[in-house]
Amino acid sequence: MKKISILYTRVSTLEQRTDRQRVNEKEYDLVVEDKCSGAIPFFERPGGKEILSYIEKGIVAKISAITIDRLGRDMLDILNTLSFLNQKMIPVYFINQSLTTINEDGKENPISKLIISILATISEMERSQIRERQLEGVKLAKARGVYTGRKEGTKEDILKFLSKPQNKKAIEYLKRGMSNTEAAKLAGVHINTMTKIKKLSAIS
């Protein structure tokens, strides 16, 4: 059975495009695309699940991605994903860094392993810093009286609620036939919010 080479691409939102990640895409047998947060474990994403199905069939020869942070923003998940692929003897090639996890002789590349660990750590730190800046921004806005949240006892406008970026993403995932749990994870909303979104958007 012929083995395939896969180019993996990922962006964080439905609105973003993966064009810049599709480097020489014609050289690959398959391009797999995810549009979700890098915080979601690799094999829990739609694209990750698709790749796993090919791995289980034993037909994956190589996986490539433009940069390591396309695999994720969680260091432990990145390393666990790469460890799993190494055990399956599937090399992963990071195009911009010119790094491969397994050499042509079938042995793990120790230099690549070290650099990937460092880059994965940096990626996780960046994600943590973004989250901290967002929280600081909310605190400063509250202190200035700009951000007050919804007043107690008031009801949020339904259209305004459904028009929020994360809630719009959730609706799109539901329309694709995903379950509440899957849609909530991919859109980054709480499962209770997901239930409310489904009810208000009248999606059955």
N, C-alpha and C. Protein backbone atom coordinates (compact mmCIF):
# COMPACT_ATOMS: atom_id res chain seq x y z
N MET A 1 0.84 -1.20 0.00
CA MET A 1 0.00 0.00 0.00
C MET A 1 0.88 1.25 0.00
N LYS A 2 0.58 2.19 -0.89
CA LYS A 2 1.36 3.41 -0.99
C LYS A 2 1.15 4.29 0.24
N LYS A 3 2.28 4.76 0.79
CA LYS A 3 2.20 5.65 1.93
C LYS A 3 2.13 7.10 1.46
N ILE A 4 1.50 7.95 2.27
CA ILE A 4 1.25 9.34 1.87
C ILE A 4 2.02 10.33 2.73
N SER A 5 2.32 11.47 2.12
CA SER A 5 2.92 12.58 2.87
C SER A 5 1.83 13.61 3.11
N ILE A 6 1.81 14.17 4.33
CA ILE A 6 0.73 15.09 4.74
C ILE A 6 1.30 16.44 5.11
N LEU A 7 0.66 17.49 4.62
CA LEU A 7 0.98 18.86 5.05
C LEU A 7 -0.13 19.28 6.00
N TYR A 8 0.25 19.57 7.26
CA TYR A 8 -0.75 19.98 8.26
C TYR A 8 -0.73 21.50 8.42
N THR A 9 -1.91 22.11 8.38
CA THR A 9 -2.03 23.56 8.57
C THR A 9 -3.06 23.84 9.67
N ARG A 10 -2.86 24.94 10.39
CA ARG A 10 -3.82 25.31 11.43
C ARG A 10 -3.86 26.82 11.62
N VAL A 11 -5.08 27.35 11.75
CA VAL A 11 -5.29 28.72 12.17
C VAL A 11 -6.27 28.69 13.34
N SER A 12 -6.33 29.77 14.09
CA SER A 12 -7.10 29.77 15.33
C SER A 12 -8.58 30.07 15.15
N THR A 13 -8.96 30.76 14.05
CA THR A 13 -10.35 31.14 13.87
C THR A 13 -10.86 30.75 12.48
N LEU A 14 -12.17 30.69 12.34
CA LEU A 14 -12.79 30.33 11.07
C LEU A 14 -12.51 31.37 10.00
N GLU A 15 -12.30 32.63 10.42
CA GLU A 15 -12.10 33.71 9.47
C GLU A 15 -10.70 33.72 8.87
N GLN A 16 -9.73 33.15 9.56
CA GLN A 16 -8.35 33.16 9.09
C GLN A 16 -8.14 32.15 7.96
N ARG A 17 -7.14 32.42 7.13
CA ARG A 17 -6.82 31.54 6.00
C ARG A 17 -5.47 30.85 6.23
N THR A 18 -5.28 29.72 5.57
CA THR A 18 -4.04 28.96 5.74
C THR A 18 -3.12 29.07 4.52
N ASP A 19 -3.39 30.02 3.64
CA ASP A 19 -2.62 30.17 2.39
C ASP A 19 -1.11 30.22 2.62
N ARG A 20 -0.68 31.00 3.60
CA ARG A 20 0.76 31.18 3.83
C ARG A 20 1.43 29.92 4.37
N GLN A 21 0.62 29.01 4.89
CA GLN A 21 1.18 27.76 5.43
C GLN A 21 1.29 26.66 4.37
N ARG A 22 0.65 26.89 3.24
CA ARG A 22 0.60 25.86 2.20
C ARG A 22 1.82 25.98 1.27
N VAL A 23 3.00 25.82 1.84
CA VAL A 23 4.25 25.93 1.09
C VAL A 23 4.43 24.69 0.21
N ASN A 24 4.54 24.91 -1.10
CA ASN A 24 4.73 23.80 -2.05
C ASN A 24 3.74 22.66 -1.80
N GLU A 25 2.47 23.02 -1.60
CA GLU A 25 1.48 22.01 -1.23
C GLU A 25 1.30 20.91 -2.27
N LYS A 26 1.67 21.19 -3.52
CA LYS A 26 1.52 20.19 -4.56
C LYS A 26 2.50 19.02 -4.39
N GLU A 27 3.52 19.23 -3.56
CA GLU A 27 4.49 18.16 -3.30
C GLU A 27 3.93 17.11 -2.34
N TYR A 28 2.80 17.43 -1.71
CA TYR A 28 2.22 16.51 -0.72
C TYR A 28 1.02 15.77 -1.31
N ASP A 29 0.77 14.59 -0.76
CA ASP A 29 -0.37 13.80 -1.21
C ASP A 29 -1.67 14.34 -0.62
N LEU A 30 -1.57 14.98 0.55
CA LEU A 30 -2.77 15.43 1.25
C LEU A 30 -2.46 16.66 2.10
N VAL A 31 -3.38 17.62 2.10
CA VAL A 31 -3.29 18.79 2.99
C VAL A 31 -4.43 18.68 3.99
N VAL A 32 -4.10 18.69 5.28
CA VAL A 32 -5.11 18.62 6.34
C VAL A 32 -5.14 19.96 7.05
N GLU A 33 -6.33 20.53 7.18
CA GLU A 33 -6.48 21.87 7.76
C GLU A 33 -7.33 21.84 9.02
N ASP A 34 -6.88 22.55 10.04
CA ASP A 34 -7.66 22.75 11.25
C ASP A 34 -7.89 24.24 11.45
N LYS A 35 -9.09 24.59 11.92
CA LYS A 35 -9.38 25.97 12.30
C LYS A 35 -9.87 25.93 13.73
N CYS A 36 -8.91 25.98 14.66
CA CYS A 36 -9.24 25.87 16.08
C CYS A 36 -8.07 26.36 16.92
N SER A 37 -8.32 26.50 18.21
CA SER A 37 -7.29 26.96 19.14
C SER A 37 -6.16 25.93 19.25
N GLY A 38 -4.94 26.43 19.35
CA GLY A 38 -3.79 25.56 19.54
C GLY A 38 -3.75 24.93 20.91
N ALA A 39 -4.65 25.37 21.80
CA ALA A 39 -4.71 24.79 23.14
C ALA A 39 -5.41 23.43 23.15
N ILE A 40 -6.15 23.14 22.08
CA ILE A 40 -6.84 21.84 22.00
C ILE A 40 -5.82 20.77 21.65
N PRO A 41 -5.77 19.66 22.39
CA PRO A 41 -4.83 18.58 22.09
C PRO A 41 -4.90 18.16 20.62
N PHE A 42 -3.75 17.88 20.04
CA PHE A 42 -3.64 17.64 18.60
C PHE A 42 -4.62 16.59 18.08
N PHE A 43 -4.68 15.45 18.74
CA PHE A 43 -5.52 14.36 18.24
C PHE A 43 -6.99 14.48 18.64
N GLU A 44 -7.35 15.62 19.27
CA GLU A 44 -8.75 15.89 19.56
C GLU A 44 -9.35 16.88 18.56
N ARG A 45 -8.52 17.40 17.67
CA ARG A 45 -8.99 18.33 16.63
C ARG A 45 -9.52 17.52 15.45
N PRO A 46 -10.43 18.11 14.66
CA PRO A 46 -10.93 17.39 13.48
C PRO A 46 -9.81 16.93 12.55
N GLY A 47 -8.86 17.83 12.26
CA GLY A 47 -7.74 17.46 11.40
C GLY A 47 -6.83 16.44 12.04
N GLY A 48 -6.61 16.59 13.35
CA GLY A 48 -5.78 15.63 14.08
C GLY A 48 -6.40 14.24 14.07
N LYS A 49 -7.72 14.20 14.23
CA LYS A 49 -8.42 12.91 14.19
C LYS A 49 -8.30 12.27 12.80
N GLU A 50 -8.36 13.12 11.77
CA GLU A 50 -8.23 12.60 10.40
C GLU A 50 -6.85 11.99 10.20
N ILE A 51 -5.82 12.70 10.66
CA ILE A 51 -4.45 12.19 10.54
C ILE A 51 -4.29 10.89 11.31
N LEU A 52 -4.87 10.83 12.51
CA LEU A 52 -4.78 9.62 13.33
C LEU A 52 -5.40 8.42 12.61
N SER A 53 -6.49 8.66 11.89
CA SER A 53 -7.14 7.56 11.17
C SER A 53 -6.22 7.00 10.09
N TYR A 54 -5.43 7.87 9.44
CA TYR A 54 -4.47 7.42 8.42
C TYR A 54 -3.30 6.68 9.08
N ILE A 55 -2.89 7.18 10.26
CA ILE A 55 -1.80 6.51 10.99
C ILE A 55 -2.21 5.10 11.37
N GLU A 56 -3.44 4.95 11.85
CA GLU A 56 -3.93 3.63 12.26
C GLU A 56 -4.03 2.67 11.08
N LYS A 57 -4.18 3.22 9.88
CA LYS A 57 -4.20 2.38 8.67
C LYS A 57 -2.79 2.06 8.19
N GLY A 58 -1.80 2.72 8.80
CA GLY A 58 -0.40 2.46 8.45
C GLY A 58 0.03 3.04 7.12
N ILE A 59 -0.59 4.17 6.71
CA ILE A 59 -0.28 4.71 5.38
C ILE A 59 0.40 6.09 5.41
N VAL A 60 0.82 6.54 6.59
CA VAL A 60 1.46 7.86 6.69
C VAL A 60 2.98 7.71 6.64
N ALA A 61 3.59 8.38 5.65
CA ALA A 61 5.05 8.32 5.52
C ALA A 61 5.73 9.49 6.21
N LYS A 62 5.07 10.67 6.17
CA LYS A 62 5.69 11.88 6.70
C LYS A 62 4.63 12.95 6.92
N ILE A 63 4.84 13.78 7.95
CA ILE A 63 3.96 14.91 8.23
C ILE A 63 4.80 16.18 8.26
N SER A 64 4.32 17.22 7.60
CA SER A 64 5.03 18.50 7.61
C SER A 64 4.11 19.61 8.10
N ALA A 65 4.72 20.64 8.71
CA ALA A 65 3.98 21.83 9.15
C ALA A 65 4.92 23.02 9.01
N ILE A 66 4.36 24.20 8.77
CA ILE A 66 5.18 25.37 8.53
C ILE A 66 6.05 25.72 9.74
N THR A 67 5.47 25.65 10.96
CA THR A 67 6.20 25.91 12.20
C THR A 67 5.67 25.00 13.30
N ILE A 68 6.43 24.88 14.36
CA ILE A 68 6.05 23.97 15.45
C ILE A 68 4.78 24.41 16.16
N ASP A 69 4.51 25.73 16.23
CA ASP A 69 3.32 26.17 16.95
C ASP A 69 2.02 25.83 16.22
N ARG A 70 2.12 25.34 14.97
CA ARG A 70 0.91 24.86 14.28
C ARG A 70 0.41 23.55 14.92
N LEU A 71 1.34 22.81 15.52
CA LEU A 71 0.93 21.59 16.23
C LEU A 71 0.19 21.94 17.51
N GLY A 72 0.54 23.07 18.11
CA GLY A 72 -0.16 23.46 19.34
C GLY A 72 0.56 24.53 20.11
N ARG A 73 -0.06 24.94 21.22
CA ARG A 73 0.51 25.96 22.10
C ARG A 73 0.80 25.41 23.49
N ASP A 74 0.57 24.10 23.65
CA ASP A 74 0.83 23.47 24.93
C ASP A 74 2.06 22.57 24.78
N MET A 75 3.12 22.89 25.53
CA MET A 75 4.39 22.18 25.37
C MET A 75 4.24 20.68 25.57
N LEU A 76 3.54 20.28 26.63
CA LEU A 76 3.40 18.85 26.93
C LEU A 76 2.68 18.12 25.81
N ASP A 77 1.62 18.74 25.27
CA ASP A 77 0.87 18.09 24.19
C ASP A 77 1.73 17.98 22.92
N ILE A 78 2.51 19.00 22.62
CA ILE A 78 3.39 18.95 21.45
C ILE A 78 4.38 17.81 21.59
N LEU A 79 5.02 17.73 22.75
CA LEU A 79 6.03 16.69 22.98
C LEU A 79 5.40 15.29 22.98
N ASN A 80 4.20 15.17 23.55
CA ASN A 80 3.51 13.87 23.55
C ASN A 80 3.12 13.46 22.13
N THR A 81 2.68 14.43 21.33
CA THR A 81 2.31 14.16 19.94
C THR A 81 3.52 13.68 19.15
N LEU A 82 4.64 14.39 19.30
CA LEU A 82 5.86 14.02 18.58
C LEU A 82 6.41 12.67 19.06
N SER A 83 6.30 12.41 20.36
CA SER A 83 6.75 11.12 20.91
C SER A 83 5.94 9.97 20.30
N PHE A 84 4.63 10.18 20.21
CA PHE A 84 3.74 9.17 19.61
C PHE A 84 4.13 8.91 18.15
N LEU A 85 4.38 9.99 17.41
CA LEU A 85 4.73 9.85 16.00
C LEU A 85 6.10 9.21 15.82
N ASN A 86 7.02 9.50 16.75
CA ASN A 86 8.34 8.87 16.70
C ASN A 86 8.23 7.36 16.92
N GLN A 87 7.37 6.97 17.84
CA GLN A 87 7.16 5.54 18.10
C GLN A 87 6.60 4.83 16.86
N LYS A 88 5.83 5.58 16.09
CA LYS A 88 5.24 5.02 14.85
C LYS A 88 6.21 5.15 13.67
N MET A 89 7.40 5.72 13.95
CA MET A 89 8.43 5.94 12.93
C MET A 89 7.93 6.86 11.81
N ILE A 90 7.16 7.88 12.21
CA ILE A 90 6.66 8.86 11.25
C ILE A 90 7.40 10.18 11.49
N PRO A 91 8.28 10.57 10.59
CA PRO A 91 9.01 11.84 10.79
C PRO A 91 8.10 13.05 10.61
N VAL A 92 8.36 14.07 11.40
CA VAL A 92 7.65 15.34 11.28
C VAL A 92 8.67 16.39 10.87
N TYR A 93 8.35 17.14 9.82
CA TYR A 93 9.28 18.15 9.30
C TYR A 93 8.67 19.54 9.47
N PHE A 94 9.43 20.43 10.15
CA PHE A 94 8.99 21.81 10.34
C PHE A 94 9.71 22.67 9.31
N ILE A 95 8.96 23.18 8.36
CA ILE A 95 9.51 23.81 7.16
C ILE A 95 10.36 25.04 7.46
N ASN A 96 9.82 26.00 8.22
CA ASN A 96 10.56 27.25 8.46
C ASN A 96 11.85 27.04 9.24
N GLN A 97 11.82 26.06 10.16
CA GLN A 97 13.01 25.81 10.97
C GLN A 97 13.95 24.77 10.36
N SER A 98 13.52 24.14 9.26
CA SER A 98 14.30 23.07 8.61
C SER A 98 14.68 21.98 9.61
N LEU A 99 13.69 21.58 10.42
CA LEU A 99 13.92 20.55 11.44
C LEU A 99 13.11 19.31 11.12
N THR A 100 13.73 18.15 11.30
CA THR A 100 13.00 16.89 11.15
C THR A 100 13.22 16.05 12.40
N THR A 101 12.19 15.35 12.84
CA THR A 101 12.28 14.60 14.10
C THR A 101 13.00 13.27 13.96
N ILE A 102 12.99 12.70 12.76
CA ILE A 102 13.65 11.40 12.52
C ILE A 102 14.54 11.52 11.29
N ASN A 103 15.79 11.09 11.44
CA ASN A 103 16.74 11.14 10.33
C ASN A 103 16.43 10.07 9.29
N GLU A 104 17.11 10.15 8.14
CA GLU A 104 16.89 9.18 7.07
C GLU A 104 17.27 7.76 7.47
N ASP A 105 18.17 7.63 8.47
CA ASP A 105 18.57 6.30 8.93
C ASP A 105 17.56 5.70 9.91
N GLY A 106 16.45 6.45 10.16
CA GLY A 106 15.41 5.94 11.04
C GLY A 106 15.62 6.24 12.52
N LYS A 107 16.69 6.98 12.84
CA LYS A 107 16.98 7.31 14.23
C LYS A 107 16.45 8.70 14.57
N GLU A 108 16.07 8.86 15.85
CA GLU A 108 15.57 10.16 16.30
C GLU A 108 16.69 11.19 16.24
N ASN A 109 16.36 12.38 15.76
CA ASN A 109 17.33 13.46 15.64
C ASN A 109 17.46 14.17 16.98
N PRO A 110 18.59 14.00 17.71
CA PRO A 110 18.74 14.59 19.05
C PRO A 110 18.78 16.11 19.05
N ILE A 111 19.40 16.71 18.02
CA ILE A 111 19.48 18.17 17.94
C ILE A 111 18.08 18.74 17.70
N SER A 112 17.36 18.09 16.81
CA SER A 112 15.98 18.51 16.52
C SER A 112 15.13 18.42 17.78
N LYS A 113 15.31 17.35 18.55
CA LYS A 113 14.54 17.14 19.78
C LYS A 113 14.78 18.28 20.76
N LEU A 114 16.03 18.70 20.90
CA LEU A 114 16.39 19.79 21.82
C LEU A 114 15.77 21.10 21.37
N ILE A 115 15.93 21.43 20.09
CA ILE A 115 15.41 22.70 19.56
C ILE A 115 13.89 22.74 19.64
N ILE A 116 13.24 21.62 19.33
CA ILE A 116 11.78 21.56 19.37
C ILE A 116 11.27 21.78 20.80
N SER A 117 11.98 21.22 21.77
CA SER A 117 11.60 21.41 23.18
C SER A 117 11.68 22.88 23.57
N ILE A 118 12.73 23.55 23.10
CA ILE A 118 12.90 24.98 23.39
C ILE A 118 11.80 25.80 22.73
N LEU A 119 11.53 25.52 21.44
CA LEU A 119 10.51 26.26 20.70
C LEU A 119 9.11 26.01 21.28
N ALA A 120 8.87 24.78 21.72
CA ALA A 120 7.57 24.45 22.32
C ALA A 120 7.38 25.24 23.62
N THR A 121 8.46 25.38 24.39
CA THR A 121 8.41 26.14 25.63
C THR A 121 8.10 27.61 25.34
N ILE A 122 8.76 28.17 24.32
CA ILE A 122 8.54 29.56 23.93
C ILE A 122 7.10 29.77 23.50
N SER A 123 6.58 28.82 22.71
CA SER A 123 5.20 28.90 22.23
C SER A 123 4.22 28.93 23.39
N GLU A 124 4.46 28.08 24.40
CA GLU A 124 3.57 28.03 25.56
C GLU A 124 3.66 29.33 26.36
N MET A 125 4.88 29.89 26.48
CA MET A 125 5.06 31.14 27.21
C MET A 125 4.32 32.28 26.51
N GLU A 126 4.36 32.29 25.17
CA GLU A 126 3.66 33.33 24.41
C GLU A 126 2.16 33.26 24.67
N ARG A 127 1.63 32.05 24.69
CA ARG A 127 0.20 31.87 24.94
C ARG A 127 -0.17 32.36 26.33
N SER A 128 0.69 32.06 27.31
CA SER A 128 0.45 32.48 28.68
C SER A 128 0.49 34.00 28.80
N GLN A 129 1.44 34.62 28.10
CA GLN A 129 1.56 36.08 28.14
C GLN A 129 0.36 36.77 27.50
N ILE A 130 -0.14 36.20 26.41
CA ILE A 130 -1.33 36.75 25.75
C ILE A 130 -2.51 36.73 26.71
N ARG A 131 -2.67 35.60 27.42
CA ARG A 131 -3.78 35.46 28.36
C ARG A 131 -3.63 36.47 29.50
N GLU A 132 -2.40 36.66 30.00
CA GLU A 132 -2.17 37.60 31.09
C GLU A 132 -2.47 39.04 30.64
N ARG A 133 -2.08 39.38 29.42
CA ARG A 133 -2.34 40.73 28.91
C ARG A 133 -3.84 40.99 28.76
N GLN A 134 -4.57 39.96 28.34
CA GLN A 134 -6.02 40.10 28.22
C GLN A 134 -6.66 40.37 29.57
N LEU A 135 -6.22 39.62 30.59
CA LEU A 135 -6.77 39.80 31.94
C LEU A 135 -6.42 41.18 32.50
N GLU A 136 -5.18 41.61 32.25
CA GLU A 136 -4.75 42.94 32.70
C GLU A 136 -5.57 44.03 32.02
N GLY A 137 -5.85 43.83 30.73
CA GLY A 137 -6.65 44.81 29.99
C GLY A 137 -8.04 44.95 30.56
N VAL A 138 -8.65 43.82 30.94
CA VAL A 138 -9.99 43.84 31.53
C VAL A 138 -9.95 44.56 32.88
N LYS A 139 -8.91 44.28 33.69
CA LYS A 139 -8.79 44.91 35.00
C LYS A 139 -8.66 46.43 34.87
N LEU A 140 -7.82 46.86 33.92
CA LEU A 140 -7.62 48.30 33.71
C LEU A 140 -8.91 48.96 33.21
N ALA A 141 -9.62 48.27 32.33
CA ALA A 141 -10.88 48.81 31.81
C ALA A 141 -11.91 48.93 32.92
N LYS A 142 -11.94 47.95 33.81
CA LYS A 142 -12.87 48.00 34.95
C LYS A 142 -12.51 49.16 35.88
N ALA A 143 -11.20 49.35 36.09
CA ALA A 143 -10.75 50.43 36.97
C ALA A 143 -11.14 51.80 36.42
N ARG A 144 -11.15 51.93 35.08
CA ARG A 144 -11.52 53.20 34.45
C ARG A 144 -13.03 53.33 34.27
N GLY A 145 -13.75 52.25 34.59
CA GLY A 145 -15.20 52.27 34.43
C GLY A 145 -15.66 52.03 33.01
N VAL A 146 -14.72 51.62 32.15
CA VAL A 146 -15.06 51.37 30.74
C VAL A 146 -15.72 50.01 30.59
N TYR A 147 -15.20 49.04 31.33
CA TYR A 147 -15.73 47.67 31.26
C TYR A 147 -16.49 47.39 32.55
N THR A 148 -17.78 47.26 32.46
CA THR A 148 -18.57 47.02 33.67
C THR A 148 -19.29 45.69 33.65
N GLY A 149 -19.34 45.03 32.49
CA GLY A 149 -20.08 43.77 32.40
C GLY A 149 -21.57 44.04 32.37
N ARG A 150 -22.35 42.98 32.39
CA ARG A 150 -23.79 43.16 32.36
C ARG A 150 -24.31 43.42 33.77
N LYS A 151 -25.19 44.41 33.90
CA LYS A 151 -25.73 44.73 35.21
C LYS A 151 -26.63 43.62 35.71
N GLU A 152 -26.57 43.42 37.02
CA GLU A 152 -27.37 42.36 37.64
C GLU A 152 -28.86 42.60 37.40
N GLY A 153 -29.55 41.54 37.00
CA GLY A 153 -30.99 41.63 36.79
C GLY A 153 -31.38 42.01 35.38
N THR A 154 -30.39 42.35 34.53
CA THR A 154 -30.70 42.70 33.14
C THR A 154 -30.50 41.49 32.25
N LYS A 155 -31.18 41.51 31.10
CA LYS A 155 -31.07 40.41 30.15
C LYS A 155 -30.24 40.86 28.94
N GLU A 156 -29.42 39.94 28.48
CA GLU A 156 -28.58 40.25 27.33
C GLU A 156 -29.39 40.08 26.05
N ASP A 157 -29.21 41.02 25.12
CA ASP A 157 -29.90 40.93 23.84
C ASP A 157 -29.47 39.66 23.09
N ILE A 158 -30.46 38.89 22.60
CA ILE A 158 -30.17 37.60 21.96
C ILE A 158 -29.28 37.76 20.75
N LEU A 159 -29.58 38.72 19.87
CA LEU A 159 -28.79 38.93 18.67
C LEU A 159 -27.36 39.32 19.01
N LYS A 160 -27.22 40.17 20.03
CA LYS A 160 -25.90 40.60 20.46
C LYS A 160 -25.11 39.41 21.01
N PHE A 161 -25.81 38.55 21.76
CA PHE A 161 -25.18 37.37 22.35
C PHE A 161 -24.68 36.42 21.25
N LEU A 162 -25.54 36.15 20.27
CA LEU A 162 -25.18 35.22 19.20
C LEU A 162 -24.15 35.81 18.23
N SER A 163 -24.00 37.13 18.25
CA SER A 163 -23.05 37.79 17.34
C SER A 163 -21.64 37.87 17.90
N LYS A 164 -21.47 37.47 19.16
CA LYS A 164 -20.12 37.48 19.73
C LYS A 164 -19.23 36.52 18.94
N PRO A 165 -17.97 36.90 18.66
CA PRO A 165 -17.08 36.10 17.82
C PRO A 165 -17.01 34.62 18.20
N GLN A 166 -16.81 34.32 19.50
CA GLN A 166 -16.71 32.92 19.92
C GLN A 166 -18.03 32.19 19.73
N ASN A 167 -19.14 32.89 19.99
CA ASN A 167 -20.45 32.25 19.84
C ASN A 167 -20.77 32.00 18.37
N LYS A 168 -20.32 32.90 17.49
CA LYS A 168 -20.52 32.69 16.05
C LYS A 168 -19.72 31.48 15.58
N LYS A 169 -18.52 31.31 16.14
CA LYS A 169 -17.71 30.14 15.79
C LYS A 169 -18.44 28.86 16.22
N ALA A 170 -18.99 28.91 17.43
CA ALA A 170 -19.69 27.75 17.97
C ALA A 170 -20.85 27.35 17.07
N ILE A 171 -21.59 28.34 16.58
CA ILE A 171 -22.72 28.07 15.68
C ILE A 171 -22.24 27.41 14.39
N GLU A 172 -21.11 27.89 13.87
CA GLU A 172 -20.55 27.31 12.65
C GLU A 172 -20.18 25.85 12.85
N TYR A 173 -19.59 25.55 14.02
CA TYR A 173 -19.21 24.16 14.31
C TYR A 173 -20.45 23.28 14.46
N LEU A 174 -21.49 23.82 15.07
CA LEU A 174 -22.74 23.06 15.20
C LEU A 174 -23.34 22.77 13.83
N LYS A 175 -23.26 23.75 12.94
CA LYS A 175 -23.79 23.57 11.59
C LYS A 175 -23.04 22.49 10.82
N ARG A 176 -21.77 22.27 11.24
CA ARG A 176 -20.97 21.23 10.60
C ARG A 176 -21.31 19.84 11.13
N GLY A 177 -22.23 19.81 12.10
CA GLY A 177 -22.66 18.53 12.65
C GLY A 177 -21.91 18.08 13.88
N MET A 178 -21.11 18.96 14.48
CA MET A 178 -20.35 18.60 15.68
C MET A 178 -21.26 18.57 16.90
N SER A 179 -20.86 17.82 17.91
CA SER A 179 -21.63 17.75 19.15
C SER A 179 -21.40 19.02 19.96
N ASN A 180 -22.22 19.22 21.00
CA ASN A 180 -22.05 20.39 21.87
C ASN A 180 -20.65 20.44 22.46
N THR A 181 -20.18 19.28 22.93
CA THR A 181 -18.86 19.22 23.58
C THR A 181 -17.75 19.58 22.62
N GLU A 182 -17.78 19.00 21.40
CA GLU A 182 -16.75 19.29 20.41
C GLU A 182 -16.77 20.76 20.01
N ALA A 183 -17.97 21.28 19.75
CA ALA A 183 -18.11 22.68 19.34
C ALA A 183 -17.63 23.63 20.44
N ALA A 184 -17.95 23.29 21.69
CA ALA A 184 -17.54 24.13 22.82
C ALA A 184 -16.02 24.19 22.93
N LYS A 185 -15.36 23.04 22.78
CA LYS A 185 -13.89 22.98 22.87
C LYS A 185 -13.25 23.80 21.75
N LEU A 186 -13.73 23.61 20.53
CA LEU A 186 -13.13 24.29 19.39
C LEU A 186 -13.37 25.80 19.42
N ALA A 187 -14.54 26.20 19.89
CA ALA A 187 -14.86 27.64 19.93
C ALA A 187 -14.33 28.31 21.20
N GLY A 188 -13.95 27.50 22.19
CA GLY A 188 -13.42 28.06 23.43
C GLY A 188 -14.49 28.65 24.33
N VAL A 189 -15.68 28.01 24.36
CA VAL A 189 -16.75 28.47 25.25
C VAL A 189 -17.12 27.37 26.24
N HIS A 190 -17.74 27.77 27.35
CA HIS A 190 -18.15 26.80 28.36
C HIS A 190 -19.31 25.97 27.82
N ILE A 191 -19.42 24.73 28.27
CA ILE A 191 -20.47 23.83 27.79
C ILE A 191 -21.86 24.38 28.09
N ASN A 192 -22.01 25.10 29.22
CA ASN A 192 -23.31 25.71 29.55
C ASN A 192 -23.66 26.81 28.55
N THR A 193 -22.63 27.58 28.15
CA THR A 193 -22.83 28.61 27.14
C THR A 193 -23.20 27.97 25.81
N MET A 194 -22.57 26.82 25.53
CA MET A 194 -22.85 26.10 24.28
C MET A 194 -24.31 25.68 24.22
N THR A 195 -24.84 25.20 25.34
CA THR A 195 -26.24 24.79 25.41
C THR A 195 -27.16 25.97 25.14
N LYS A 196 -26.80 27.12 25.70
CA LYS A 196 -27.57 28.35 25.50
C LYS A 196 -27.53 28.79 24.04
N ILE A 197 -26.35 28.70 23.43
CA ILE A 197 -26.18 29.08 22.03
C ILE A 197 -27.06 28.22 21.14
N LYS A 198 -27.03 26.92 21.39
CA LYS A 198 -27.82 25.99 20.56
C LYS A 198 -29.31 26.27 20.69
N LYS A 199 -29.74 26.56 21.92
CA LYS A 199 -31.15 26.83 22.16
C LYS A 199 -31.59 28.12 21.47
N LEU A 200 -30.79 29.18 21.63
CA LEU A 200 -31.18 30.48 21.08
C LEU A 200 -31.06 30.54 19.56
N SER A 201 -30.12 29.77 19.00
CA SER A 201 -29.96 29.79 17.55
C SER A 201 -30.88 28.80 16.84
N ALA A 202 -31.65 28.07 17.67
CA ALA A 202 -32.65 27.12 17.13
C ALA A 202 -32.05 26.09 16.20
N ILE A 203 -30.85 25.63 16.54
CA ILE A 203 -30.21 24.58 15.75
C ILE A 203 -30.54 23.22 16.36
N SER A 204 -31.12 22.37 15.59
CA SER A 204 -31.52 21.05 16.11
C SER A 204 -30.55 19.99 15.63
